[in-house]
Amino acid sequence: MDFRDIIRHKPYLIWYTRDYDALNEEAVVEAVLNYGDWDDVQELIQSLGIKKVAEVFKTEAFRTRTNYRDDVRCYFDLYFQRHA
């Protein structure tokens, strides 16, 4: 399964585009972690692998300007430290 298929099946996670093939990993990881439920997160991890999701998250979440919510950033920082 392609990581973009998560968004194809649940388009409300990314509402600003319908061109799902143009979405990169960073956009999909951010949308799923911010707005998805636990099953969406597990589907993303199965698709990309936990190490890749953690790498994308850590690269994007701790920049000066980020779209990750504070509670999401804190939770997944701890989650990936333990599981990735």
C-alpha atoms as a PDB file:
ATOM      1  CA  MET A   1       0.000   0.000   0.000  1.00  0.00           C
ATOM      2  CA  ASP A   2       1.261   3.441  -0.913  1.00  0.00           C
ATOM      3  CA  PHE A   3       1.330   5.989   1.896  1.00  0.00           C
ATOM      4  CA  ARG A   4      -0.892   8.273  -0.215  1.00  0.00           C
ATOM      5  CA  ASP A   5      -3.664   5.661  -0.145  1.00  0.00           C
ATOM      6  CA  ILE A   6      -4.392   6.635   3.453  1.00  0.00           C
ATOM      7  CA  ILE A   7      -5.349  10.099   2.226  1.00  0.00           C
ATOM      8  CA  ARG A   8      -7.265   8.700  -0.765  1.00  0.00           C
ATOM      9  CA  HIS A   9      -9.448   6.672   1.625  1.00  0.00           C
ATOM     10  CA  LYS A  10      -9.794   9.510   4.138  1.00  0.00           C
ATOM     11  CA  PRO A  11      -9.632  12.775   2.167  1.00  0.00           C
ATOM     12  CA  TYR A  12     -10.715  14.830   5.190  1.00  0.00           C
ATOM     13  CA  LEU A  13      -7.182  14.445   6.583  1.00  0.00           C
ATOM     14  CA  ILE A  14      -5.883  16.719   3.810  1.00  0.00           C
ATOM     15  CA  TRP A  15      -8.679  18.931   2.595  1.00  0.00           C
ATOM     16  CA  TYR A  16      -6.626  21.488   0.655  1.00  0.00           C
ATOM     17  CA  THR A  17      -5.879  19.346  -2.410  1.00  0.00           C
ATOM     18  CA  ARG A  18      -7.322  16.544  -4.492  1.00  0.00           C
ATOM     19  CA  ASP A  19      -4.038  15.841  -6.274  1.00  0.00           C
ATOM     20  CA  TYR A  20      -2.974  13.032  -3.945  1.00  0.00           C
ATOM     21  CA  ASP A  21      -0.138  11.893  -6.206  1.00  0.00           C
ATOM     22  CA  ALA A  22       1.615  15.229  -5.620  1.00  0.00           C
ATOM     23  CA  LEU A  23       1.680  14.792  -1.834  1.00  0.00           C
ATOM     24  CA  ASN A  24       5.056  14.081  -0.306  1.00  0.00           C
ATOM     25  CA  GLU A  25       5.812  11.993   2.771  1.00  0.00           C
ATOM     26  CA  GLU A  26       6.125  15.055   4.997  1.00  0.00           C
ATOM     27  CA  ALA A  27       2.586  16.256   4.199  1.00  0.00           C
ATOM     28  CA  VAL A  28       1.017  12.836   4.705  1.00  0.00           C
ATOM     29  CA  VAL A  29       2.857  12.147   7.976  1.00  0.00           C
ATOM     30  CA  GLU A  30       1.884  15.570   9.333  1.00  0.00           C
ATOM     31  CA  ALA A  31      -1.783  15.154   8.378  1.00  0.00           C
ATOM     32  CA  VAL A  32      -2.088  11.655   9.787  1.00  0.00           C
ATOM     33  CA  LEU A  33      -0.327  12.451  13.067  1.00  0.00           C
ATOM     34  CA  ASN A  34      -2.232  15.719  13.555  1.00  0.00           C
ATOM     35  CA  TYR A  35      -5.726  14.697  12.419  1.00  0.00           C
ATOM     36  CA  GLY A  36      -5.872  10.920  12.076  1.00  0.00           C
ATOM     37  CA  ASP A  37      -6.895   8.352  14.627  1.00  0.00           C
ATOM     38  CA  TRP A  38      -4.745   5.547  16.008  1.00  0.00           C
ATOM     39  CA  ASP A  39      -5.685   3.152  13.196  1.00  0.00           C
ATOM     40  CA  ASP A  40      -4.528   5.754  10.651  1.00  0.00           C
ATOM     41  CA  VAL A  41      -1.208   6.074  12.461  1.00  0.00           C
ATOM     42  CA  GLN A  42      -0.743   2.299  12.459  1.00  0.00           C
ATOM     43  CA  GLU A  43      -1.602   2.158   8.754  1.00  0.00           C
ATOM     44  CA  LEU A  44       0.994   4.865   8.064  1.00  0.00           C
ATOM     45  CA  ILE A  45       3.619   2.968  10.055  1.00  0.00           C
ATOM     46  CA  GLN A  46       2.837  -0.221   8.116  1.00  0.00           C
ATOM     47  CA  SER A  47       3.135   1.666   4.851  1.00  0.00           C
ATOM     48  CA  LEU A  48       6.349   3.624   5.475  1.00  0.00           C
ATOM     49  CA  GLY A  49       7.905   1.810   8.422  1.00  0.00           C
ATOM     50  CA  ILE A  50       8.302   3.197  11.911  1.00  0.00           C
ATOM     51  CA  LYS A  51      11.863   4.403  11.371  1.00  0.00           C
ATOM     52  CA  LYS A  52      10.895   6.432   8.296  1.00  0.00           C
ATOM     53  CA  VAL A  53       7.834   7.958   9.995  1.00  0.00           C
ATOM     54  CA  ALA A  54       9.971   8.853  13.024  1.00  0.00           C
ATOM     55  CA  GLU A  55      12.657  10.382  10.785  1.00  0.00           C
ATOM     56  CA  VAL A  56      10.138  12.508   8.871  1.00  0.00           C
ATOM     57  CA  PHE A  57       8.450  13.556  12.108  1.00  0.00           C
ATOM     58  CA  LYS A  58      11.669  14.578  13.852  1.00  0.00           C
ATOM     59  CA  THR A  59      12.877  16.512  10.816  1.00  0.00           C
ATOM     60  CA  GLU A  60       9.653  18.492  10.459  1.00  0.00           C
ATOM     61  CA  ALA A  61       8.205  18.747  13.970  1.00  0.00           C
ATOM     62  CA  PHE A  62      11.030  20.639  15.629  1.00  0.00           C
ATOM     63  CA  ARG A  63      11.613  23.378  13.102  1.00  0.00           C
ATOM     64  CA  THR A  64      10.971  26.962  14.130  1.00  0.00           C
ATOM     65  CA  ARG A  65       7.778  27.049  12.073  1.00  0.00           C
ATOM     66  CA  THR A  66       5.739  23.875  12.148  1.00  0.00           C
ATOM     67  CA  ASN A  67       2.117  22.854  11.745  1.00  0.00           C
ATOM     68  CA  TYR A  68       2.262  20.106  14.350  1.00  0.00           C
ATOM     69  CA  ARG A  69       0.064  20.748  17.362  1.00  0.00           C
ATOM     70  CA  ASP A  70       1.979  20.935  20.654  1.00  0.00           C
ATOM     71  CA  ASP A  71       0.258  17.915  22.201  1.00  0.00           C
ATOM     72  CA  VAL A  72       0.860  15.835  19.057  1.00  0.00           C
ATOM     73  CA  ARG A  73       4.497  16.875  18.944  1.00  0.00           C
ATOM     74  CA  CYS A  74       5.045  15.992  22.601  1.00  0.00           C
ATOM     75  CA  TYR A  75       3.239  12.629  22.393  1.00  0.00           C
ATOM     76  CA  PHE A  76       4.907  11.384  19.209  1.00  0.00           C
ATOM     77  CA  ASP A  77       8.320  12.599  20.319  1.00  0.00           C
ATOM     78  CA  LEU A  78       8.031  10.303  23.336  1.00  0.00           C
ATOM     79  CA  TYR A  79       6.428   7.524  21.281  1.00  0.00           C
ATOM     80  CA  PHE A  80       9.176   7.464  18.650  1.00  0.00           C
ATOM     81  CA  GLN A  81      11.942   7.702  21.259  1.00  0.00           C
ATOM     82  CA  ARG A  82      10.600   4.508  22.774  1.00  0.00           C
ATOM     83  CA  HIS A  83       9.526   2.555  19.694  1.00  0.00           C
ATOM     84  CA  ALA A  84      11.723   3.647  16.797  1.00  0.00           C
END
